[in-house]
Amino acid sequence: MTYHAKVTPGGKVVIPAELRRDLGIRDGDSLMLEKDKNGGLSVKTFEQVVREEQRRFRAAVGPDYSVKQFLADRASDWPAD
């Protein structure tokens, strides 16, 4: 579905209420804006960006990688006392 948004004085963009409800955007949420290669604009919630990065990280390190394993992997980099 296509929505219309208007830029108000000061550069504020009003996102239609129906779209905010559908996307789970609430007052005070942080949104991330990104210009795509075609000059378009992508709008994502901060939570969406975090989930996307978590999926990329899991794909890179595997589903069983943990903080404990990370610390063990890095222990050899630490200077001995």
Protein backbone atom coordinates (compact mmCIF):
# COMPACT_ATOMS: atom_id res chain seq x y z
CA MET A 1 0.00 0.00 0.00
CA THR A 2 1.18 3.53 -0.69
CA TYR A 3 0.95 6.29 1.91
CA HIS A 4 1.35 10.04 1.69
CA ALA A 5 3.48 11.95 4.19
CA LYS A 6 4.08 15.68 4.34
CA VAL A 7 7.19 17.53 5.43
CA THR A 8 6.27 20.31 7.84
CA PRO A 9 8.33 23.37 8.79
CA GLY A 10 11.54 22.36 10.49
CA GLY A 11 11.86 19.20 8.41
CA LYS A 12 9.38 17.12 10.39
CA VAL A 13 7.71 14.26 8.53
CA VAL A 14 4.28 13.13 9.61
CA ILE A 15 3.86 9.36 9.20
CA PRO A 16 0.20 8.39 8.76
CA ALA A 17 -1.36 6.84 11.88
CA GLU A 18 -2.40 3.64 10.09
CA LEU A 19 1.17 3.03 8.92
CA ARG A 20 2.58 3.75 12.40
CA ARG A 21 0.16 1.22 13.88
CA ASP A 22 0.98 -1.40 11.23
CA LEU A 23 4.72 -0.97 11.82
CA GLY A 24 4.49 -0.71 15.60
CA ILE A 25 5.97 2.80 15.67
CA ARG A 26 5.09 4.64 18.88
CA ASP A 27 5.62 8.19 20.10
CA GLY A 28 9.23 8.65 21.14
CA ASP A 29 10.61 5.72 19.09
CA SER A 30 13.95 6.26 17.38
CA LEU A 31 13.88 5.78 13.63
CA MET A 32 16.83 5.10 11.35
CA LEU A 33 16.82 6.72 7.90
CA GLU A 34 18.97 5.40 5.08
CA LYS A 35 19.36 6.60 1.52
CA ASP A 36 19.44 3.67 -0.90
CA LYS A 37 21.50 3.35 -4.08
CA ASN A 38 18.60 4.62 -6.20
CA GLY A 39 18.11 7.76 -4.10
CA GLY A 40 15.13 6.35 -2.23
CA LEU A 41 14.63 6.46 1.51
CA SER A 42 14.36 3.54 3.92
CA VAL A 43 12.84 4.11 7.36
CA LYS A 44 13.37 1.50 10.08
CA THR A 45 12.86 1.44 13.80
CA PHE A 46 15.95 1.19 15.97
CA GLU A 47 14.72 -2.25 17.08
CA GLN A 48 14.52 -3.43 13.44
CA VAL A 49 18.10 -2.34 12.82
CA VAL A 50 19.31 -4.14 15.95
CA ARG A 51 17.51 -7.37 14.94
CA GLU A 52 18.97 -7.18 11.42
CA GLU A 53 22.49 -6.74 12.80
CA GLN A 54 21.96 -9.61 15.25
CA ARG A 55 20.92 -11.88 12.33
CA ARG A 56 24.01 -10.83 10.33
CA PHE A 57 26.23 -11.52 13.33
CA ARG A 58 24.65 -14.95 13.91
CA ALA A 59 25.13 -15.80 10.23
CA ALA A 60 28.81 -14.82 10.48
CA VAL A 61 29.71 -16.59 13.75
CA GLY A 62 27.15 -19.40 13.91
CA PRO A 63 24.09 -19.96 16.08
CA ASP A 64 25.97 -21.39 19.08
CA TYR A 65 28.51 -18.57 19.53
CA SER A 66 28.29 -17.04 23.00
CA VAL A 67 29.86 -14.28 25.05
CA LYS A 68 31.70 -16.99 27.00
CA GLN A 69 33.19 -18.36 23.78
CA PHE A 70 34.07 -14.87 22.59
CA LEU A 71 35.97 -14.18 25.82
CA ALA A 72 37.76 -17.52 25.58
CA ASP A 73 38.74 -16.78 21.98
CA ARG A 74 40.12 -13.39 22.99
CA ALA A 75 41.91 -14.57 26.16
CA SER A 76 45.05 -15.34 24.15
CA ASP A 77 45.19 -11.67 23.11
CA TRP A 78 45.35 -10.46 26.72
CA PRO A 79 48.73 -9.80 28.30
CA ALA A 80 49.76 -12.22 31.04
CA ASP A 81 50.01 -10.73 34.53
